[in-house]
């Protein structure tokens, strides 16, 4: 895949790529409220919230076009399909317009692909029939390239709206006892774009912390990112002259 060296973007283009993440387990209601104010100020695509914050977020975002994006089966995908279906149904009925669901990672690693496909298919059906869309989180840090490719093909066959790299919480324990995390890597994003159908959008999550990170993933065909560094990214965009009008900007590759 040829990596573009420039893009034409506006500030709104970049803001509407961002699902502002409000998912850290220790976040208080006050901190979530502050995050929702950021979503409104910068007019991002969605506020990504835990299920118990759906109504809270919906109320605070009223009057804006920022959508509420709840997570389910989060962050490890271990819930049974029945629980995921219930959780997804309730999330949409409470106001979730985009649902981010984690695959059953253990069943992926076990090669039980029919289970994995059925799990995704059931949740996608309950979400779509209620007027929302599904993003399927792979958690690439745990997966081989072959497993990522198989998930891309399954999600393409089902017809989900998005596939997503990571939760932001998929830490690998090293022999030293320390934890390592990569999140959305450029090679994984290129792999996902190659093997997912052209109608499937890609969301990069984990590691998109700067404007240059955002521009790089956009150049690879990513249409959405999960980010906590929204303010820093968009303020840097303004400093570089990105505003209401579309401008050409360089993409710098590592």
C-alpha atoms as a PDB file:
ATOM      1  CA  UNK A   1       0.000   0.000   0.000  1.00  0.00           C
ATOM      2  CA  UNK A   2       1.351   3.399  -1.009  1.00  0.00           C
ATOM      3  CA  UNK A   3       1.343   5.834   1.873  1.00  0.00           C
ATOM      4  CA  UNK A   4       0.109   9.308   0.840  1.00  0.00           C
ATOM      5  CA  UNK A   5       2.374  12.249   1.657  1.00  0.00           C
ATOM      6  CA  UNK A   6      -0.392  14.851   1.916  1.00  0.00           C
ATOM      7  CA  UNK A   7      -4.096  15.202   2.662  1.00  0.00           C
ATOM      8  CA  UNK A   8      -6.765  17.858   2.114  1.00  0.00           C
ATOM      9  CA  UNK A   9      -8.727  18.382   5.330  1.00  0.00           C
ATOM     10  CA  UNK A  10     -10.741  20.896   7.308  1.00  0.00           C
ATOM     11  CA  UNK A  11     -10.999  21.194  11.069  1.00  0.00           C
ATOM     12  CA  UNK A  12     -14.492  19.709  10.925  1.00  0.00           C
ATOM     13  CA  UNK A  13     -13.200  16.732   8.916  1.00  0.00           C
ATOM     14  CA  UNK A  14     -10.761  15.953  11.715  1.00  0.00           C
ATOM     15  CA  UNK A  15     -13.191  16.611  14.574  1.00  0.00           C
ATOM     16  CA  UNK A  16     -15.769  14.287  13.016  1.00  0.00           C
ATOM     17  CA  UNK A  17     -13.184  11.498  12.964  1.00  0.00           C
ATOM     18  CA  UNK A  18     -13.032  11.482  16.768  1.00  0.00           C
ATOM     19  CA  UNK A  19     -14.937   9.322  19.214  1.00  0.00           C
ATOM     20  CA  UNK A  20     -13.905  11.089  22.421  1.00  0.00           C
ATOM     21  CA  UNK A  21     -13.202   8.317  24.909  1.00  0.00           C
ATOM     22  CA  UNK A  22     -14.661   8.547  28.427  1.00  0.00           C
ATOM     23  CA  UNK A  23     -14.040   4.939  29.399  1.00  0.00           C
ATOM     24  CA  UNK A  24     -11.365   4.840  32.087  1.00  0.00           C
ATOM     25  CA  UNK A  25     -12.708   2.737  34.977  1.00  0.00           C
ATOM     26  CA  UNK A  26     -11.916   5.370  37.596  1.00  0.00           C
ATOM     27  CA  UNK A  27     -13.652   8.299  35.863  1.00  0.00           C
ATOM     28  CA  UNK A  28     -16.100  10.088  38.144  1.00  0.00           C
ATOM     29  CA  UNK A  29     -19.368  11.558  36.902  1.00  0.00           C
ATOM     30  CA  UNK A  30     -17.780  14.997  37.191  1.00  0.00           C
ATOM     31  CA  UNK A  31     -14.867  13.946  34.980  1.00  0.00           C
ATOM     32  CA  UNK A  32     -17.253  12.433  32.431  1.00  0.00           C
ATOM     33  CA  UNK A  33     -19.258  15.656  32.446  1.00  0.00           C
ATOM     34  CA  UNK A  34     -16.088  17.637  31.735  1.00  0.00           C
ATOM     35  CA  UNK A  35     -15.347  15.255  28.882  1.00  0.00           C
ATOM     36  CA  UNK A  36     -18.825  15.745  27.456  1.00  0.00           C
ATOM     37  CA  UNK A  37     -18.256  19.498  27.487  1.00  0.00           C
ATOM     38  CA  UNK A  38     -15.138  18.855  25.389  1.00  0.00           C
ATOM     39  CA  UNK A  39     -17.256  16.816  22.960  1.00  0.00           C
ATOM     40  CA  UNK A  40     -19.665  19.739  22.590  1.00  0.00           C
ATOM     41  CA  UNK A  41     -16.975  22.405  22.295  1.00  0.00           C
ATOM     42  CA  UNK A  42     -15.041  20.587  19.580  1.00  0.00           C
ATOM     43  CA  UNK A  43     -18.088  19.046  17.868  1.00  0.00           C
ATOM     44  CA  UNK A  44     -16.620  15.562  17.647  1.00  0.00           C
ATOM     45  CA  UNK A  45     -18.375  12.548  16.125  1.00  0.00           C
ATOM     46  CA  UNK A  46     -19.353  10.799  19.348  1.00  0.00           C
ATOM     47  CA  UNK A  47     -18.824  10.573  23.074  1.00  0.00           C
ATOM     48  CA  UNK A  48     -17.750   7.004  23.808  1.00  0.00           C
ATOM     49  CA  UNK A  49     -19.161   6.058  27.209  1.00  0.00           C
ATOM     50  CA  UNK A  50     -19.806   3.151  29.540  1.00  0.00           C
ATOM     51  CA  UNK A  51     -23.383   1.835  29.488  1.00  0.00           C
ATOM     52  CA  UNK A  52     -24.436   3.438  32.771  1.00  0.00           C
ATOM     53  CA  UNK A  53     -23.536   6.855  31.361  1.00  0.00           C
ATOM     54  CA  UNK A  54     -25.759   6.651  28.253  1.00  0.00           C
ATOM     55  CA  UNK A  55     -28.657   8.697  29.642  1.00  0.00           C
ATOM     56  CA  UNK A  56     -26.238  11.027  31.441  1.00  0.00           C
ATOM     57  CA  UNK A  57     -24.410  11.722  28.162  1.00  0.00           C
ATOM     58  CA  UNK A  58     -27.578  11.972  26.097  1.00  0.00           C
ATOM     59  CA  UNK A  59     -28.951  14.684  28.369  1.00  0.00           C
ATOM     60  CA  UNK A  60     -25.737  16.716  28.385  1.00  0.00           C
ATOM     61  CA  UNK A  61     -25.288  16.455  24.601  1.00  0.00           C
ATOM     62  CA  UNK A  62     -28.874  17.431  23.831  1.00  0.00           C
ATOM     63  CA  UNK A  63     -29.070  20.070  21.113  1.00  0.00           C
ATOM     64  CA  UNK A  64     -25.777  19.031  19.483  1.00  0.00           C
ATOM     65  CA  UNK A  65     -25.035  16.572  16.683  1.00  0.00           C
ATOM     66  CA  UNK A  66     -22.524  14.689  18.854  1.00  0.00           C
ATOM     67  CA  UNK A  67     -23.780  11.113  19.118  1.00  0.00           C
ATOM     68  CA  UNK A  68     -23.638   8.795  22.117  1.00  0.00           C
ATOM     69  CA  UNK A  69     -21.479   5.709  21.551  1.00  0.00           C
ATOM     70  CA  UNK A  70     -21.758   3.110  24.342  1.00  0.00           C
ATOM     71  CA  UNK A  71     -19.415   0.122  24.671  1.00  0.00           C
ATOM     72  CA  UNK A  72     -20.650  -3.401  25.383  1.00  0.00           C
ATOM     73  CA  UNK A  73     -18.840  -6.583  26.357  1.00  0.00           C
ATOM     74  CA  UNK A  74     -16.095  -4.147  27.316  1.00  0.00           C
ATOM     75  CA  UNK A  75     -13.157  -4.401  27.609  1.00  0.00           C
ATOM     76  CA  UNK A  76     -12.505  -8.137  27.195  1.00  0.00           C
ATOM     77  CA  UNK A  77     -15.505  -9.468  25.248  1.00  0.00           C
ATOM     78  CA  UNK A  78     -16.099 -12.267  27.751  1.00  0.00           C
ATOM     79  CA  UNK A  79     -19.865 -11.908  28.173  1.00  0.00           C
ATOM     80  CA  UNK A  80     -22.063 -14.579  26.615  1.00  0.00           C
ATOM     81  CA  UNK A  81     -23.821 -13.701  23.375  1.00  0.00           C
ATOM     82  CA  UNK A  82     -27.128 -13.480  25.223  1.00  0.00           C
ATOM     83  CA  UNK A  83     -25.736 -10.882  27.609  1.00  0.00           C
ATOM     84  CA  UNK A  84     -24.173  -8.899  24.756  1.00  0.00           C
ATOM     85  CA  UNK A  85     -27.488  -8.896  22.887  1.00  0.00           C
ATOM     86  CA  UNK A  86     -29.357  -7.671  25.975  1.00  0.00           C
ATOM     87  CA  UNK A  87     -26.713  -5.032  26.657  1.00  0.00           C
ATOM     88  CA  UNK A  88     -26.735  -3.835  23.035  1.00  0.00           C
ATOM     89  CA  UNK A  89     -30.525  -3.699  22.844  1.00  0.00           C
ATOM     90  CA  UNK A  90     -30.771  -1.659  26.011  1.00  0.00           C
ATOM     91  CA  UNK A  91     -27.902   0.620  24.935  1.00  0.00           C
ATOM     92  CA  UNK A  92     -29.673   1.508  21.695  1.00  0.00           C
ATOM     93  CA  UNK A  93     -33.044   1.934  23.369  1.00  0.00           C
ATOM     94  CA  UNK A  94     -31.506   4.379  25.859  1.00  0.00           C
ATOM     95  CA  UNK A  95     -30.044   6.497  23.071  1.00  0.00           C
ATOM     96  CA  UNK A  96     -26.848   4.877  21.812  1.00  0.00           C
ATOM     97  CA  UNK A  97     -26.480   5.527  18.074  1.00  0.00           C
ATOM     98  CA  UNK A  98     -23.188   3.691  17.605  1.00  0.00           C
ATOM     99  CA  UNK A  99     -22.279   0.603  19.612  1.00  0.00           C
ATOM    100  CA  UNK A 100     -18.691  -0.590  20.143  1.00  0.00           C
ATOM    101  CA  UNK A 101     -18.565  -4.315  20.977  1.00  0.00           C
ATOM    102  CA  UNK A 102     -15.548  -6.464  21.831  1.00  0.00           C
ATOM    103  CA  UNK A 103     -15.300  -9.858  20.143  1.00  0.00           C
ATOM    104  CA  UNK A 104     -14.924 -12.967  22.282  1.00  0.00           C
ATOM    105  CA  UNK A 105     -11.131 -12.916  22.279  1.00  0.00           C
ATOM    106  CA  UNK A 106     -10.740 -16.340  23.885  1.00  0.00           C
ATOM    107  CA  UNK A 107     -12.895 -17.942  21.194  1.00  0.00           C
ATOM    108  CA  UNK A 108     -10.884 -16.147  18.499  1.00  0.00           C
ATOM    109  CA  UNK A 109      -7.682 -17.563  20.003  1.00  0.00           C
ATOM    110  CA  UNK A 110      -9.350 -20.993  20.129  1.00  0.00           C
ATOM    111  CA  UNK A 111     -10.192 -20.831  16.431  1.00  0.00           C
ATOM    112  CA  UNK A 112     -13.909 -21.266  17.137  1.00  0.00           C
ATOM    113  CA  UNK A 113     -14.920 -19.084  14.244  1.00  0.00           C
ATOM    114  CA  UNK A 114     -18.566 -20.115  14.005  1.00  0.00           C
ATOM    115  CA  UNK A 115     -19.060 -19.006  17.623  1.00  0.00           C
ATOM    116  CA  UNK A 116     -17.261 -15.732  16.929  1.00  0.00           C
ATOM    117  CA  UNK A 117     -19.316 -15.094  13.790  1.00  0.00           C
ATOM    118  CA  UNK A 118     -22.599 -15.895  15.524  1.00  0.00           C
ATOM    119  CA  UNK A 119     -21.682 -13.622  18.457  1.00  0.00           C
ATOM    120  CA  UNK A 120     -21.055 -10.667  16.119  1.00  0.00           C
ATOM    121  CA  UNK A 121     -24.034 -11.444  13.903  1.00  0.00           C
ATOM    122  CA  UNK A 122     -26.519 -11.533  16.767  1.00  0.00           C
ATOM    123  CA  UNK A 123     -25.376  -8.225  18.215  1.00  0.00           C
ATOM    124  CA  UNK A 124     -25.237  -6.554  14.805  1.00  0.00           C
ATOM    125  CA  UNK A 125     -28.802  -7.652  14.068  1.00  0.00           C
ATOM    126  CA  UNK A 126     -30.253  -6.260  17.296  1.00  0.00           C
ATOM    127  CA  UNK A 127     -28.377  -2.976  16.843  1.00  0.00           C
ATOM    128  CA  UNK A 128     -29.203  -2.414  13.179  1.00  0.00           C
ATOM    129  CA  UNK A 129     -32.884  -3.261  13.480  1.00  0.00           C
ATOM    130  CA  UNK A 130     -33.164  -0.472  16.065  1.00  0.00           C
ATOM    131  CA  UNK A 131     -31.532   2.108  13.825  1.00  0.00           C
ATOM    132  CA  UNK A 132     -27.973   2.136  15.199  1.00  0.00           C
ATOM    133  CA  UNK A 133     -24.655   0.796  13.874  1.00  0.00           C
ATOM    134  CA  UNK A 134     -22.065  -1.618  15.256  1.00  0.00           C
ATOM    135  CA  UNK A 135     -18.315  -1.275  15.569  1.00  0.00           C
ATOM    136  CA  UNK A 136     -16.534  -4.576  16.237  1.00  0.00           C
ATOM    137  CA  UNK A 137     -13.402  -4.345  18.396  1.00  0.00           C
ATOM    138  CA  UNK A 138     -10.713  -6.941  17.610  1.00  0.00           C
ATOM    139  CA  UNK A 139      -8.076  -6.143  20.299  1.00  0.00           C
ATOM    140  CA  UNK A 140      -5.180  -6.574  17.887  1.00  0.00           C
ATOM    141  CA  UNK A 141      -2.517  -6.669  20.608  1.00  0.00           C
ATOM    142  CA  UNK A 142      -3.674 -10.197  21.410  1.00  0.00           C
ATOM    143  CA  UNK A 143      -4.036 -11.449  17.835  1.00  0.00           C
ATOM    144  CA  UNK A 144      -1.946 -12.842  15.005  1.00  0.00           C
ATOM    145  CA  UNK A 145      -2.163 -11.365  11.521  1.00  0.00           C
ATOM    146  CA  UNK A 146      -4.063 -14.469  10.400  1.00  0.00           C
ATOM    147  CA  UNK A 147      -6.647 -13.960  13.161  1.00  0.00           C
ATOM    148  CA  UNK A 148      -7.058 -10.289  12.218  1.00  0.00           C
ATOM    149  CA  UNK A 149      -7.554 -11.256   8.566  1.00  0.00           C
ATOM    150  CA  UNK A 150     -10.187 -13.850   9.489  1.00  0.00           C
ATOM    151  CA  UNK A 151     -12.074 -11.320  11.607  1.00  0.00           C
ATOM    152  CA  UNK A 152     -11.978  -8.817   8.732  1.00  0.00           C
ATOM    153  CA  UNK A 153     -13.522 -11.413   6.430  1.00  0.00           C
ATOM    154  CA  UNK A 154     -16.215 -12.394   8.969  1.00  0.00           C
ATOM    155  CA  UNK A 155     -17.169  -8.767   9.616  1.00  0.00           C
ATOM    156  CA  UNK A 156     -17.289  -8.076   5.877  1.00  0.00           C
ATOM    157  CA  UNK A 157     -19.584 -11.070   5.343  1.00  0.00           C
ATOM    158  CA  UNK A 158     -21.907  -9.923   8.144  1.00  0.00           C
ATOM    159  CA  UNK A 159     -21.811  -6.316   6.948  1.00  0.00           C
ATOM    160  CA  UNK A 160     -20.986  -4.474  10.166  1.00  0.00           C
ATOM    161  CA  UNK A 161     -20.439  -0.733   9.885  1.00  0.00           C
ATOM    162  CA  UNK A 162     -16.947  -0.574  11.425  1.00  0.00           C
ATOM    163  CA  UNK A 163     -14.088  -2.738  12.549  1.00  0.00           C
ATOM    164  CA  UNK A 164     -11.914  -1.349  15.322  1.00  0.00           C
ATOM    165  CA  UNK A 165      -8.351  -2.133  16.357  1.00  0.00           C
ATOM    166  CA  UNK A 166      -8.447  -2.007  20.126  1.00  0.00           C
ATOM    167  CA  UNK A 167     -10.182  -1.102  23.375  1.00  0.00           C
ATOM    168  CA  UNK A 168      -7.305   0.899  24.792  1.00  0.00           C
ATOM    169  CA  UNK A 169      -7.083  -1.629  27.634  1.00  0.00           C
ATOM    170  CA  UNK A 170      -5.581  -4.719  25.973  1.00  0.00           C
ATOM    171  CA  UNK A 171      -2.399  -4.948  27.984  1.00  0.00           C
ATOM    172  CA  UNK A 172       0.054  -7.820  27.540  1.00  0.00           C
ATOM    173  CA  UNK A 173       1.924  -8.972  30.643  1.00  0.00           C
ATOM    174  CA  UNK A 174       5.641  -9.346  30.002  1.00  0.00           C
ATOM    175  CA  UNK A 175       7.943 -11.923  31.691  1.00  0.00           C
ATOM    176  CA  UNK A 176       9.263  -9.062  33.850  1.00  0.00           C
ATOM    177  CA  UNK A 177       5.769  -8.464  35.227  1.00  0.00           C
ATOM    178  CA  UNK A 178       5.485  -5.147  33.390  1.00  0.00           C
ATOM    179  CA  UNK A 179       2.680  -4.502  30.924  1.00  0.00           C
ATOM    180  CA  UNK A 180       2.979  -3.564  27.271  1.00  0.00           C
ATOM    181  CA  UNK A 181       0.402  -2.077  24.914  1.00  0.00           C
ATOM    182  CA  UNK A 182       0.575  -1.038  21.271  1.00  0.00           C
ATOM    183  CA  UNK A 183      -3.009  -0.248  20.264  1.00  0.00           C
ATOM    184  CA  UNK A 184      -3.532   0.886  16.678  1.00  0.00           C
ATOM    185  CA  UNK A 185      -0.347   0.227  14.702  1.00  0.00           C
ATOM    186  CA  UNK A 186       0.160   1.324  11.110  1.00  0.00           C
ATOM    187  CA  UNK A 187       0.878  -2.222   9.834  1.00  0.00           C
ATOM    188  CA  UNK A 188      -2.298  -3.550  11.471  1.00  0.00           C
ATOM    189  CA  UNK A 189      -4.361  -0.734   9.978  1.00  0.00           C
ATOM    190  CA  UNK A 190      -2.944  -1.464   6.535  1.00  0.00           C
ATOM    191  CA  UNK A 191      -3.758  -5.148   7.026  1.00  0.00           C
ATOM    192  CA  UNK A 192      -7.332  -4.370   8.062  1.00  0.00           C
ATOM    193  CA  UNK A 193      -7.847  -2.027   5.107  1.00  0.00           C
ATOM    194  CA  UNK A 194      -6.532  -4.679   2.721  1.00  0.00           C
ATOM    195  CA  UNK A 195      -8.762  -7.508   3.957  1.00  0.00           C
ATOM    196  CA  UNK A 196     -11.958  -5.712   4.997  1.00  0.00           C
ATOM    197  CA  UNK A 197     -14.553  -4.974   2.342  1.00  0.00           C
ATOM    198  CA  UNK A 198     -14.559  -1.500   0.842  1.00  0.00           C
ATOM    199  CA  UNK A 199     -17.899  -0.794   2.537  1.00  0.00           C
ATOM    200  CA  UNK A 200     -16.480  -1.514   6.019  1.00  0.00           C
ATOM    201  CA  UNK A 201     -15.072   1.503   7.856  1.00  0.00           C
ATOM    202  CA  UNK A 202     -12.094   1.281  10.192  1.00  0.00           C
ATOM    203  CA  UNK A 203     -11.691   2.804  13.633  1.00  0.00           C
ATOM    204  CA  UNK A 204      -8.223   3.152  15.159  1.00  0.00           C
ATOM    205  CA  UNK A 205      -8.064   3.211  18.950  1.00  0.00           C
ATOM    206  CA  UNK A 206      -5.107   3.279  21.294  1.00  0.00           C
ATOM    207  CA  UNK A 207      -2.039   5.331  20.403  1.00  0.00           C
ATOM    208  CA  UNK A 208      -3.659   8.140  18.382  1.00  0.00           C
ATOM    209  CA  UNK A 209      -2.392  10.953  20.576  1.00  0.00           C
ATOM    210  CA  UNK A 210      -1.192  13.693  18.222  1.00  0.00           C
ATOM    211  CA  UNK A 211      -2.334  15.488  15.076  1.00  0.00           C
ATOM    212  CA  UNK A 212       0.328  13.651  13.099  1.00  0.00           C
ATOM    213  CA  UNK A 213      -1.007  10.331  14.420  1.00  0.00           C
ATOM    214  CA  UNK A 214      -4.491  11.315  13.260  1.00  0.00           C
ATOM    215  CA  UNK A 215      -3.303  12.398   9.831  1.00  0.00           C
ATOM    216  CA  UNK A 216      -1.335   9.182   9.344  1.00  0.00           C
ATOM    217  CA  UNK A 217      -4.256   6.904  10.127  1.00  0.00           C
ATOM    218  CA  UNK A 218      -6.588   8.996   7.949  1.00  0.00           C
ATOM    219  CA  UNK A 219      -4.124   8.625   5.093  1.00  0.00           C
ATOM    220  CA  UNK A 220      -4.381   4.839   5.482  1.00  0.00           C
ATOM    221  CA  UNK A 221      -8.154   4.906   5.067  1.00  0.00           C
ATOM    222  CA  UNK A 222      -9.240   5.150   8.709  1.00  0.00           C
ATOM    223  CA  UNK A 223     -12.445   7.151   9.123  1.00  0.00           C
ATOM    224  CA  UNK A 224     -12.770   7.167  12.913  1.00  0.00           C
ATOM    225  CA  UNK A 225     -10.461   7.138  15.927  1.00  0.00           C
ATOM    226  CA  UNK A 226     -10.926   6.659  19.623  1.00  0.00           C
ATOM    227  CA  UNK A 227      -9.029   9.341  21.493  1.00  0.00           C
ATOM    228  CA  UNK A 228      -8.611  10.992  24.863  1.00  0.00           C
ATOM    229  CA  UNK A 229      -6.209  13.627  23.473  1.00  0.00           C
ATOM    230  CA  UNK A 230      -8.956  15.419  21.529  1.00  0.00           C
ATOM    231  CA  UNK A 231      -8.117  18.905  22.799  1.00  0.00           C
ATOM    232  CA  UNK A 232      -4.417  18.603  22.029  1.00  0.00           C
ATOM    233  CA  UNK A 233      -5.031  17.155  18.569  1.00  0.00           C
ATOM    234  CA  UNK A 234      -7.529  19.777  17.441  1.00  0.00           C
ATOM    235  CA  UNK A 235      -5.724  22.738  18.995  1.00  0.00           C
ATOM    236  CA  UNK A 236      -2.561  21.652  17.163  1.00  0.00           C
ATOM    237  CA  UNK A 237      -4.602  21.484  13.958  1.00  0.00           C
ATOM    238  CA  UNK A 238      -5.644  25.102  14.477  1.00  0.00           C
ATOM    239  CA  UNK A 239      -2.021  26.128  15.116  1.00  0.00           C
ATOM    240  CA  UNK A 240      -1.050  24.559  11.784  1.00  0.00           C
ATOM    241  CA  UNK A 241      -3.656  26.567   9.938  1.00  0.00           C
ATOM    242  CA  UNK A 242      -6.414  23.981   9.634  1.00  0.00           C
ATOM    243  CA  UNK A 243      -9.766  25.732   9.940  1.00  0.00           C
ATOM    244  CA  UNK A 244     -13.188  25.898   8.336  1.00  0.00           C
ATOM    245  CA  UNK A 245     -11.838  25.725   4.794  1.00  0.00           C
ATOM    246  CA  UNK A 246     -10.162  22.651   3.367  1.00  0.00           C
ATOM    247  CA  UNK A 247      -6.385  22.949   3.239  1.00  0.00           C
ATOM    248  CA  UNK A 248      -3.573  20.722   2.053  1.00  0.00           C
ATOM    249  CA  UNK A 249      -1.335  19.405   4.817  1.00  0.00           C
ATOM    250  CA  UNK A 250       1.695  17.128   4.808  1.00  0.00           C
ATOM    251  CA  UNK A 251       1.531  13.637   6.265  1.00  0.00           C
ATOM    252  CA  UNK A 252       4.778  12.746   8.042  1.00  0.00           C
ATOM    253  CA  UNK A 253       5.606   9.048   8.307  1.00  0.00           C
ATOM    254  CA  UNK A 254       7.886   7.619  11.001  1.00  0.00           C
END
